[in-house]
Amino acid sequence: MARAGLKVDRIVRVAADLADEVGFDRVTASEVARRFDVKVASLYSHLTSAHELNVGIALLALEELADRVSEALAGRAGKDALVAVANVYLDYSREHPGRYAATQFPLDHETAINSAGVRHSAMMTAILRGYDLDETDQVHAIRLLGSIFHGYATLDASGAFSHSSPDSQQSWTRILDGIDTLLQQWRR
C-alpha cells in the first residue's frame, strides 16, 4: 500500500481492527506498519508514540460504543433503557473484543473530558431518569452499572461463564432484572 494513504484516522482504524484480531494489549506499531507495508518510522511521522496509537484506539472505541448506546437508548426509559444499553455493551464486547478492551485504557484528564466517555456518563444518567434517584445516588448507580456492564463483559470474554449451566445469557437476563429491582428500591 502506498505511503500516501497513511493518515492518523486510517492508522487508528487498522490498529483497532488488529486489536480485535489479536487483543488490544498485543497491538504494536511494527505490526500496524506491516499492515500498510511501510516501516515503523513512517507511522511515527503521523503519530508521536505507541501510547498515542493506544489512545487513538480507545477514543475510536468509545465513540463507536457511544453511537450504539445512543441509538439503543432513543425513545426508551426505565428497565427498557437499562436492558437495551446493557446489551449494547455486551454485544460490542463480543463483536469487538480488542476495541472493547481499549475502552478501559487510562486516558489523561484532558483527553478523557473531551472524549465520548462524557457521552457514556450522560447516557447512563438518562437511563436513571426512569428511577427515583437523587443526584448523589445517580453517581453511585452509574458506578454500579459501569462495574456490572464492564465486569460481566470482561468475564464473558475470558470464557469464565462457558463451563457451567445455565447458559450465561440466562444469568445476564437475571442480573439485569435484579439491577432494575435494585434501582426501583434504591431509596427505600
C-alpha atoms as a PDB file:
ATOM      1  CA  MET A   1       0.000   0.000   0.000  1.00  0.00           C
ATOM      2  CA  ALA A   2       1.297   3.468  -0.823  1.00  0.00           C
ATOM      3  CA  ARG A   3       2.516   5.759   1.913  1.00  0.00           C
ATOM      4  CA  ALA A   4       0.224   8.475   0.614  1.00  0.00           C
ATOM      5  CA  GLY A   5      -2.618   6.512   2.184  1.00  0.00           C
ATOM      6  CA  LEU A   6      -1.265   6.981   5.701  1.00  0.00           C
ATOM      7  CA  LYS A   7      -3.408   9.273   7.792  1.00  0.00           C
ATOM      8  CA  VAL A   8      -3.879   9.129  11.557  1.00  0.00           C
ATOM      9  CA  ASP A   9      -7.534   8.090  11.420  1.00  0.00           C
ATOM     10  CA  ARG A  10      -6.753   5.314   8.948  1.00  0.00           C
ATOM     11  CA  ILE A  11      -3.805   4.103  11.026  1.00  0.00           C
ATOM     12  CA  VAL A  12      -6.010   4.020  14.133  1.00  0.00           C
ATOM     13  CA  ARG A  13      -8.762   2.082  12.336  1.00  0.00           C
ATOM     14  CA  VAL A  14      -6.284  -0.529  11.109  1.00  0.00           C
ATOM     15  CA  ALA A  15      -4.827  -0.748  14.622  1.00  0.00           C
ATOM     16  CA  ALA A  16      -8.347  -1.164  16.057  1.00  0.00           C
ATOM     17  CA  ASP A  17      -9.029  -3.998  13.601  1.00  0.00           C
ATOM     18  CA  LEU A  18      -5.743  -5.565  14.676  1.00  0.00           C
ATOM     19  CA  ALA A  19      -6.771  -5.204  18.328  1.00  0.00           C
ATOM     20  CA  ASP A  20      -9.953  -7.146  17.573  1.00  0.00           C
ATOM     21  CA  GLU A  21      -7.895  -9.876  15.919  1.00  0.00           C
ATOM     22  CA  VAL A  22      -5.033 -10.288  18.396  1.00  0.00           C
ATOM     23  CA  GLY A  23      -6.049  -8.363  21.515  1.00  0.00           C
ATOM     24  CA  PHE A  24      -5.582  -4.724  22.444  1.00  0.00           C
ATOM     25  CA  ASP A  25      -2.539  -5.461  24.587  1.00  0.00           C
ATOM     26  CA  ARG A  26      -0.801  -7.134  21.636  1.00  0.00           C
ATOM     27  CA  VAL A  27      -1.096  -4.256  19.156  1.00  0.00           C
ATOM     28  CA  THR A  28       2.331  -3.000  18.143  1.00  0.00           C
ATOM     29  CA  ALA A  29       3.431  -0.223  15.862  1.00  0.00           C
ATOM     30  CA  SER A  30       5.551  -2.705  13.920  1.00  0.00           C
ATOM     31  CA  GLU A  31       2.529  -4.928  13.187  1.00  0.00           C
ATOM     32  CA  VAL A  32       0.428  -1.923  12.176  1.00  0.00           C
ATOM     33  CA  ALA A  33       3.260  -0.789   9.885  1.00  0.00           C
ATOM     34  CA  ARG A  34       3.319  -4.266   8.313  1.00  0.00           C
ATOM     35  CA  ARG A  35      -0.382  -3.903   7.532  1.00  0.00           C
ATOM     36  CA  PHE A  36       0.470  -0.809   5.496  1.00  0.00           C
ATOM     37  CA  ASP A  37       3.659  -2.335   4.072  1.00  0.00           C
ATOM     38  CA  VAL A  38       5.726   0.547   5.465  1.00  0.00           C
ATOM     39  CA  LYS A  39       8.471   0.959   8.032  1.00  0.00           C
ATOM     40  CA  VAL A  40       7.585   1.849  11.608  1.00  0.00           C
ATOM     41  CA  ALA A  41       9.251   5.236  11.099  1.00  0.00           C
ATOM     42  CA  SER A  42       6.577   6.031   8.519  1.00  0.00           C
ATOM     43  CA  LEU A  43       3.898   5.560  11.169  1.00  0.00           C
ATOM     44  CA  TYR A  44       5.782   7.776  13.576  1.00  0.00           C
ATOM     45  CA  SER A  45       5.728  10.595  11.073  1.00  0.00           C
ATOM     46  CA  HIS A  46       1.968  10.636  11.794  1.00  0.00           C
ATOM     47  CA  LEU A  47       1.947   9.541  15.454  1.00  0.00           C
ATOM     48  CA  THR A  48       4.264  10.546  18.269  1.00  0.00           C
ATOM     49  CA  SER A  49       4.260   7.215  20.116  1.00  0.00           C
ATOM     50  CA  ALA A  50       2.708   3.812  20.643  1.00  0.00           C
ATOM     51  CA  HIS A  51       0.841   5.427  23.547  1.00  0.00           C
ATOM     52  CA  GLU A  52      -0.797   7.839  21.105  1.00  0.00           C
ATOM     53  CA  LEU A  53      -1.833   4.867  18.979  1.00  0.00           C
ATOM     54  CA  ASN A  54      -3.440   3.211  22.031  1.00  0.00           C
ATOM     55  CA  VAL A  55      -5.220   6.439  22.921  1.00  0.00           C
ATOM     56  CA  GLY A  56      -6.496   6.647  19.345  1.00  0.00           C
ATOM     57  CA  ILE A  57      -7.917   3.119  19.524  1.00  0.00           C
ATOM     58  CA  ALA A  58      -9.535   3.907  22.887  1.00  0.00           C
ATOM     59  CA  LEU A  59     -11.119   7.103  21.570  1.00  0.00           C
ATOM     60  CA  LEU A  60     -12.406   5.342  18.457  1.00  0.00           C
ATOM     61  CA  ALA A  61     -13.910   2.536  20.540  1.00  0.00           C
ATOM     62  CA  LEU A  62     -15.536   4.950  22.996  1.00  0.00           C
ATOM     63  CA  GLU A  63     -17.059   6.867  20.079  1.00  0.00           C
ATOM     64  CA  GLU A  64     -18.339   3.747  18.313  1.00  0.00           C
ATOM     65  CA  LEU A  65     -19.813   2.388  21.526  1.00  0.00           C
ATOM     66  CA  ALA A  66     -21.403   5.740  22.418  1.00  0.00           C
ATOM     67  CA  ASP A  67     -23.054   5.886  18.998  1.00  0.00           C
ATOM     68  CA  ARG A  68     -24.537   2.412  19.511  1.00  0.00           C
ATOM     69  CA  VAL A  69     -25.669   3.201  23.044  1.00  0.00           C
ATOM     70  CA  SER A  70     -27.288   6.444  21.893  1.00  0.00           C
ATOM     71  CA  GLU A  71     -29.206   4.612  19.191  1.00  0.00           C
ATOM     72  CA  ALA A  72     -30.346   1.903  21.619  1.00  0.00           C
ATOM     73  CA  LEU A  73     -31.398   4.432  24.249  1.00  0.00           C
ATOM     74  CA  ALA A  74     -33.528   6.576  21.924  1.00  0.00           C
ATOM     75  CA  GLY A  75     -37.162   6.519  22.983  1.00  0.00           C
ATOM     76  CA  ARG A  76     -36.603   4.138  25.875  1.00  0.00           C
ATOM     77  CA  ALA A  77     -36.904   4.648  29.628  1.00  0.00           C
ATOM     78  CA  GLY A  78     -36.589   2.660  32.831  1.00  0.00           C
ATOM     79  CA  LYS A  79     -35.940  -1.054  32.545  1.00  0.00           C
ATOM     80  CA  ASP A  80     -36.320  -0.991  28.768  1.00  0.00           C
ATOM     81  CA  ALA A  81     -33.481   1.552  28.528  1.00  0.00           C
ATOM     82  CA  LEU A  82     -31.372  -0.318  31.077  1.00  0.00           C
ATOM     83  CA  VAL A  83     -31.642  -3.620  29.206  1.00  0.00           C
ATOM     84  CA  ALA A  84     -31.074  -2.052  25.778  1.00  0.00           C
ATOM     85  CA  VAL A  85     -27.922  -0.243  26.866  1.00  0.00           C
ATOM     86  CA  ALA A  86     -26.566  -3.193  28.847  1.00  0.00           C
ATOM     87  CA  ASN A  87     -26.997  -5.418  25.796  1.00  0.00           C
ATOM     88  CA  VAL A  88     -25.159  -2.919  23.599  1.00  0.00           C
ATOM     89  CA  TYR A  89     -22.145  -3.054  25.915  1.00  0.00           C
ATOM     90  CA  LEU A  90     -22.146  -6.852  25.989  1.00  0.00           C
ATOM     91  CA  ASP A  91     -22.703  -7.193  22.228  1.00  0.00           C
ATOM     92  CA  TYR A  92     -19.950  -4.670  21.434  1.00  0.00           C
ATOM     93  CA  SER A  93     -17.532  -6.523  23.701  1.00  0.00           C
ATOM     94  CA  ARG A  94     -18.284  -9.738  21.839  1.00  0.00           C
ATOM     95  CA  GLU A  95     -18.104  -8.215  18.345  1.00  0.00           C
ATOM     96  CA  HIS A  96     -15.028  -6.069  19.016  1.00  0.00           C
ATOM     97  CA  PRO A  97     -13.056  -7.589  21.881  1.00  0.00           C
ATOM     98  CA  GLY A  98      -9.900  -5.569  21.253  1.00  0.00           C
ATOM     99  CA  ARG A  99     -11.715  -2.288  20.840  1.00  0.00           C
ATOM    100  CA  TYR A 100     -13.785  -3.031  23.932  1.00  0.00           C
ATOM    101  CA  ALA A 101     -10.631  -3.659  25.967  1.00  0.00           C
ATOM    102  CA  ALA A 102      -9.365  -0.294  24.708  1.00  0.00           C
ATOM    103  CA  THR A 103     -12.362   1.457  26.272  1.00  0.00           C
ATOM    104  CA  GLN A 104     -10.692   0.728  29.629  1.00  0.00           C
ATOM    105  CA  PHE A 105      -7.362   2.277  28.601  1.00  0.00           C
ATOM    106  CA  PRO A 106      -6.470   5.062  31.042  1.00  0.00           C
ATOM    107  CA  LEU A 107      -6.754   8.490  29.436  1.00  0.00           C
ATOM    108  CA  ASP A 108      -5.290  11.674  30.831  1.00  0.00           C
ATOM    109  CA  HIS A 109      -7.814  14.103  32.283  1.00  0.00           C
ATOM    110  CA  GLU A 110      -7.907  16.481  29.318  1.00  0.00           C
ATOM    111  CA  THR A 111      -8.343  13.679  26.783  1.00  0.00           C
ATOM    112  CA  ALA A 112     -10.986  11.972  28.917  1.00  0.00           C
ATOM    113  CA  ILE A 113     -13.167  15.070  29.313  1.00  0.00           C
ATOM    114  CA  ASN A 114     -13.027  15.636  25.556  1.00  0.00           C
ATOM    115  CA  SER A 115     -13.823  12.024  24.684  1.00  0.00           C
ATOM    116  CA  ALA A 116     -17.054  10.132  24.116  1.00  0.00           C
ATOM    117  CA  GLY A 117     -16.679   8.919  27.701  1.00  0.00           C
ATOM    118  CA  VAL A 118     -18.627  12.034  28.678  1.00  0.00           C
ATOM    119  CA  ARG A 119     -21.472  10.877  26.412  1.00  0.00           C
ATOM    120  CA  HIS A 120     -21.434   7.480  28.125  1.00  0.00           C
ATOM    121  CA  SER A 121     -21.874   9.131  31.509  1.00  0.00           C
ATOM    122  CA  ALA A 122     -24.706  11.317  30.201  1.00  0.00           C
ATOM    123  CA  MET A 123     -26.452   8.289  28.722  1.00  0.00           C
ATOM    124  CA  MET A 124     -26.143   6.376  31.988  1.00  0.00           C
ATOM    125  CA  THR A 125     -27.756   9.366  33.675  1.00  0.00           C
ATOM    126  CA  ALA A 126     -30.528   9.205  31.074  1.00  0.00           C
ATOM    127  CA  ILE A 127     -31.205   5.568  31.978  1.00  0.00           C
ATOM    128  CA  LEU A 128     -31.532   6.568  35.615  1.00  0.00           C
ATOM    129  CA  ARG A 129     -34.215   9.165  34.885  1.00  0.00           C
ATOM    130  CA  GLY A 130     -36.613   6.237  34.900  1.00  0.00           C
ATOM    131  CA  TYR A 131     -35.799   5.641  38.573  1.00  0.00           C
ATOM    132  CA  ASP A 132     -36.317   7.867  41.617  1.00  0.00           C
ATOM    133  CA  LEU A 133     -32.685   8.705  42.434  1.00  0.00           C
ATOM    134  CA  ASP A 134     -31.245  11.975  43.653  1.00  0.00           C
ATOM    135  CA  GLU A 135     -28.023  13.328  42.117  1.00  0.00           C
ATOM    136  CA  THR A 136     -25.675  11.643  44.613  1.00  0.00           C
ATOM    137  CA  ASP A 137     -27.440   8.308  44.270  1.00  0.00           C
ATOM    138  CA  GLN A 138     -27.221   8.643  40.489  1.00  0.00           C
ATOM    139  CA  VAL A 139     -23.422   8.832  40.774  1.00  0.00           C
ATOM    140  CA  HIS A 140     -23.387   5.663  42.874  1.00  0.00           C
ATOM    141  CA  ALA A 141     -25.783   3.941  40.464  1.00  0.00           C
ATOM    142  CA  ILE A 142     -23.710   4.948  37.417  1.00  0.00           C
ATOM    143  CA  ARG A 143     -20.659   3.412  39.059  1.00  0.00           C
ATOM    144  CA  LEU A 144     -22.645   0.275  39.816  1.00  0.00           C
ATOM    145  CA  LEU A 145     -23.897  -0.010  36.229  1.00  0.00           C
ATOM    146  CA  GLY A 146     -20.415   0.527  34.829  1.00  0.00           C
ATOM    147  CA  SER A 147     -18.989  -2.090  37.165  1.00  0.00           C
ATOM    148  CA  ILE A 148     -21.609  -4.650  36.230  1.00  0.00           C
ATOM    149  CA  PHE A 149     -21.585  -3.979  32.482  1.00  0.00           C
ATOM    150  CA  HIS A 150     -17.797  -3.963  32.200  1.00  0.00           C
ATOM    151  CA  GLY A 151     -17.245  -6.720  34.718  1.00  0.00           C
ATOM    152  CA  TYR A 152     -19.696  -9.098  33.080  1.00  0.00           C
ATOM    153  CA  ALA A 153     -18.361  -8.320  29.597  1.00  0.00           C
ATOM    154  CA  THR A 154     -14.785  -8.920  30.748  1.00  0.00           C
ATOM    155  CA  LEU A 155     -15.610 -12.231  32.422  1.00  0.00           C
ATOM    156  CA  ASP A 156     -17.697 -13.288  29.424  1.00  0.00           C
ATOM    157  CA  ALA A 157     -14.816 -12.504  27.065  1.00  0.00           C
ATOM    158  CA  SER A 158     -12.424 -14.579  29.157  1.00  0.00           C
ATOM    159  CA  GLY A 159     -14.706 -17.611  28.878  1.00  0.00           C
ATOM    160  CA  ALA A 160     -15.389 -17.631  32.614  1.00  0.00           C
ATOM    161  CA  PHE A 161     -19.057 -18.473  32.086  1.00  0.00           C
ATOM    162  CA  SER A 162     -18.648 -21.135  29.423  1.00  0.00           C
ATOM    163  CA  HIS A 163     -18.014 -24.056  31.751  1.00  0.00           C
ATOM    164  CA  SER A 164     -21.268 -24.305  33.643  1.00  0.00           C
ATOM    165  CA  SER A 165     -25.022 -24.287  33.300  1.00  0.00           C
ATOM    166  CA  PRO A 166     -27.303 -22.462  32.952  1.00  0.00           C
ATOM    167  CA  ASP A 167     -26.356 -20.529  29.852  1.00  0.00           C
ATOM    168  CA  SER A 168     -24.681 -17.196  30.589  1.00  0.00           C
ATOM    169  CA  GLN A 169     -27.415 -15.327  28.704  1.00  0.00           C
ATOM    170  CA  GLN A 170     -29.905 -16.536  31.303  1.00  0.00           C
ATOM    171  CA  SER A 171     -27.639 -15.161  34.024  1.00  0.00           C
ATOM    172  CA  TRP A 172     -27.326 -11.851  32.176  1.00  0.00           C
ATOM    173  CA  THR A 173     -31.116 -11.551  31.957  1.00  0.00           C
ATOM    174  CA  ARG A 174     -31.482 -12.328  35.684  1.00  0.00           C
ATOM    175  CA  ILE A 175     -28.755  -9.818  36.553  1.00  0.00           C
ATOM    176  CA  LEU A 176     -30.500  -7.073  34.578  1.00  0.00           C
ATOM    177  CA  ASP A 177     -33.808  -7.950  36.274  1.00  0.00           C
ATOM    178  CA  GLY A 178     -32.015  -7.681  39.617  1.00  0.00           C
ATOM    179  CA  ILE A 179     -30.462  -4.323  38.759  1.00  0.00           C
ATOM    180  CA  ASP A 180     -33.860  -2.988  37.748  1.00  0.00           C
ATOM    181  CA  THR A 181     -35.345  -4.145  41.060  1.00  0.00           C
ATOM    182  CA  LEU A 182     -32.434  -2.652  42.981  1.00  0.00           C
ATOM    183  CA  LEU A 183     -32.766   0.703  41.214  1.00  0.00           C
ATOM    184  CA  GLN A 184     -36.525   0.773  41.862  1.00  0.00           C
ATOM    185  CA  GLN A 185     -35.939   0.101  45.558  1.00  0.00           C
ATOM    186  CA  TRP A 186     -32.760   2.186  45.957  1.00  0.00           C
ATOM    187  CA  ARG A 187     -34.221   4.987  48.065  1.00  0.00           C
ATOM    188  CA  ARG A 188     -36.159   2.749  50.442  1.00  0.00           C
END
